[in-house]
Amino acid sequence: MRFVKKLFVTIIILVGIGYGIYYFGTNLASEKIMNDVSVELENSGYLDEIKQFVANDPELQSYIEEGANVDKNKLPFTTKEQATRVLIKKVGLSELLAIQSKATSGMTENEMLNLLNEIEGKLTDEEILALKVLAYQELNN
């Protein structure tokens, strides 16, 4: 009976440690990715290109502007770090890194639209709206 108790306690502890590693690991990964992307966008001037691209594309502009007047209390996340964490869970870290490398090497408008459609398929409507809010805030700072 003691053996079963010790085994049960050990399993509970291992599960708790595993969850903690997963939780903090995805937190650290999302923060690192967000910092890397932010620094890269600012240093490369690519953020200005993105703003210009959005300004020149009325369809994309109206898509992002859907996030302008939204009640933020009803959104599943409100920060870039939280959004990155959700994207890591839903899309996957390796796929996000592949998207980042494609974006830095340049993407056509068709590739961007295909990418948006693929990501939209993996997220809920509320999560997409929260991303639109963040994109709107970032582009209108």
Protein backbone atom coordinates (compact mmCIF):
# COMPACT_ATOMS: atom_id res chain seq x y z
CA MET A 1 0.00 0.00 0.00
CA ARG A 2 2.87 2.36 0.78
CA PHE A 3 4.38 1.61 -2.59
CA VAL A 4 1.15 2.62 -4.34
CA LYS A 5 0.99 5.88 -2.35
CA LYS A 6 4.61 6.71 -3.18
CA LEU A 7 4.05 5.85 -6.82
CA PHE A 8 0.91 7.99 -6.97
CA VAL A 9 2.65 10.96 -5.29
CA THR A 10 5.63 10.58 -7.65
CA ILE A 11 3.34 10.55 -10.68
CA ILE A 12 1.48 13.64 -9.44
CA ILE A 13 4.78 15.47 -8.87
CA LEU A 14 6.11 14.50 -12.31
CA VAL A 15 2.89 15.64 -13.98
CA GLY A 16 3.11 18.95 -12.10
CA ILE A 17 6.73 19.44 -13.14
CA GLY A 18 5.90 18.56 -16.74
CA TYR A 19 3.05 21.05 -16.83
CA GLY A 20 5.26 23.73 -15.29
CA ILE A 21 7.97 23.15 -17.89
CA TYR A 22 5.39 23.28 -20.67
CA TYR A 23 3.74 26.42 -19.29
CA PHE A 24 6.94 28.35 -18.63
CA GLY A 25 8.59 26.98 -21.76
CA THR A 26 5.86 28.30 -24.03
CA ASN A 27 5.93 31.58 -22.11
CA LEU A 28 9.67 31.95 -22.62
CA ALA A 29 9.41 30.91 -26.27
CA SER A 30 6.60 33.37 -26.97
CA GLU A 31 8.47 36.23 -25.29
CA LYS A 32 11.66 35.42 -27.18
CA ILE A 33 9.87 35.19 -30.52
CA MET A 34 8.00 38.44 -29.89
CA ASN A 35 11.18 40.26 -28.90
CA ASP A 36 13.11 38.88 -31.88
CA VAL A 37 10.38 39.79 -34.35
CA SER A 38 9.89 43.27 -32.88
CA VAL A 39 13.61 44.05 -32.96
CA GLU A 40 13.97 42.64 -36.46
CA LEU A 41 11.01 44.64 -37.77
CA GLU A 42 12.25 47.86 -36.21
CA ASN A 43 15.89 47.46 -37.26
CA SER A 44 15.21 46.35 -40.82
CA GLY A 45 12.64 49.04 -41.57
CA TYR A 46 10.27 46.27 -42.58
CA LEU A 47 7.61 47.65 -40.21
CA ASP A 48 7.40 50.81 -42.32
CA GLU A 49 7.07 48.63 -45.44
CA ILE A 50 4.24 46.71 -43.80
CA LYS A 51 2.46 49.94 -42.86
CA GLN A 52 2.86 51.19 -46.42
CA PHE A 53 1.64 47.86 -47.84
CA VAL A 54 -1.47 47.97 -45.62
CA ALA A 55 -2.10 51.63 -46.51
CA ASN A 56 -1.98 50.75 -50.22
CA ASP A 57 -4.29 47.74 -49.93
CA PRO A 58 -7.86 48.85 -49.09
CA GLU A 59 -9.06 45.27 -48.58
CA LEU A 60 -6.33 44.50 -46.06
CA GLN A 61 -6.84 47.88 -44.41
CA SER A 62 -10.56 47.26 -43.92
CA TYR A 63 -9.77 43.74 -42.63
CA ILE A 64 -7.47 45.14 -39.94
CA GLU A 65 -9.78 48.07 -39.12
CA GLU A 66 -12.38 45.57 -37.93
CA GLY A 67 -10.32 45.58 -34.73
CA ALA A 68 -10.65 49.33 -34.19
CA ASN A 69 -13.82 49.48 -32.07
CA VAL A 70 -13.87 46.25 -30.13
CA ASP A 71 -14.60 45.66 -26.45
CA LYS A 72 -11.22 44.39 -25.29
CA ASN A 73 -12.71 42.78 -22.19
CA LYS A 74 -14.31 40.09 -24.34
CA LEU A 75 -11.11 39.14 -26.18
CA PRO A 76 -9.16 35.96 -25.35
CA PHE A 77 -5.90 37.96 -25.25
CA THR A 78 -4.85 41.60 -25.34
CA THR A 79 -1.04 41.62 -25.54
CA LYS A 80 1.42 40.57 -28.22
CA GLU A 81 2.99 38.07 -25.85
CA GLN A 82 -0.35 36.41 -25.11
CA ALA A 83 -1.12 36.34 -28.84
CA THR A 84 2.23 34.71 -29.57
CA ARG A 85 1.54 32.10 -26.93
CA VAL A 86 -1.84 31.26 -28.48
CA LEU A 87 -0.26 31.09 -31.93
CA ILE A 88 2.44 28.74 -30.67
CA LYS A 89 -0.22 26.46 -29.23
CA LYS A 90 -2.55 26.55 -32.25
CA VAL A 91 -0.16 26.91 -35.20
CA GLY A 92 3.04 25.45 -33.79
CA LEU A 93 6.48 26.87 -33.14
CA SER A 94 8.15 25.30 -36.17
CA GLU A 95 5.45 26.59 -38.50
CA LEU A 96 5.68 30.08 -36.99
CA LEU A 97 9.45 30.08 -37.51
CA ALA A 98 8.93 28.97 -41.12
CA ILE A 99 6.46 31.81 -41.62
CA GLN A 100 8.94 34.26 -40.12
CA SER A 101 11.69 33.13 -42.50
CA LYS A 102 9.33 33.37 -45.48
CA ALA A 103 8.29 36.86 -44.43
CA THR A 104 11.86 38.07 -44.09
CA SER A 105 12.80 36.70 -47.50
CA GLY A 106 9.71 38.29 -49.06
CA MET A 107 6.25 37.02 -49.85
CA THR A 108 3.90 37.73 -52.71
CA GLU A 109 0.39 39.00 -52.06
CA ASN A 110 -0.99 35.56 -52.97
CA GLU A 111 1.31 33.86 -50.48
CA MET A 112 0.23 36.30 -47.77
CA LEU A 113 -3.45 35.67 -48.46
CA ASN A 114 -2.89 31.89 -48.42
CA LEU A 115 -1.03 32.24 -45.15
CA LEU A 116 -3.84 34.31 -43.61
CA ASN A 117 -6.44 31.75 -44.72
CA GLU A 118 -4.38 28.89 -43.28
CA ILE A 119 -3.94 30.61 -39.92
CA GLU A 120 -7.60 31.67 -39.81
CA GLY A 121 -8.55 28.00 -40.17
CA LYS A 122 -6.66 27.18 -36.97
CA LEU A 123 -8.01 30.02 -34.82
CA THR A 124 -11.43 30.89 -33.43
CA ASP A 125 -13.29 34.01 -34.53
CA GLU A 126 -12.53 35.67 -31.18
CA GLU A 127 -8.82 34.95 -31.52
CA ILE A 128 -8.78 36.38 -35.04
CA LEU A 129 -10.56 39.50 -33.79
CA ALA A 130 -8.01 39.86 -30.98
CA LEU A 131 -5.20 39.63 -33.57
CA LYS A 132 -6.93 42.32 -35.64
CA VAL A 133 -7.08 44.56 -32.57
CA LEU A 134 -3.36 44.07 -31.94
CA ALA A 135 -2.52 44.67 -35.61
CA TYR A 136 -4.63 47.82 -35.64
CA GLN A 137 -2.93 49.11 -32.49
CA GLU A 138 0.53 48.32 -33.85
CA LEU A 139 -0.08 49.94 -37.22
CA ASN A 140 -1.69 53.07 -35.79
CA ASN A 141 0.88 53.93 -33.11
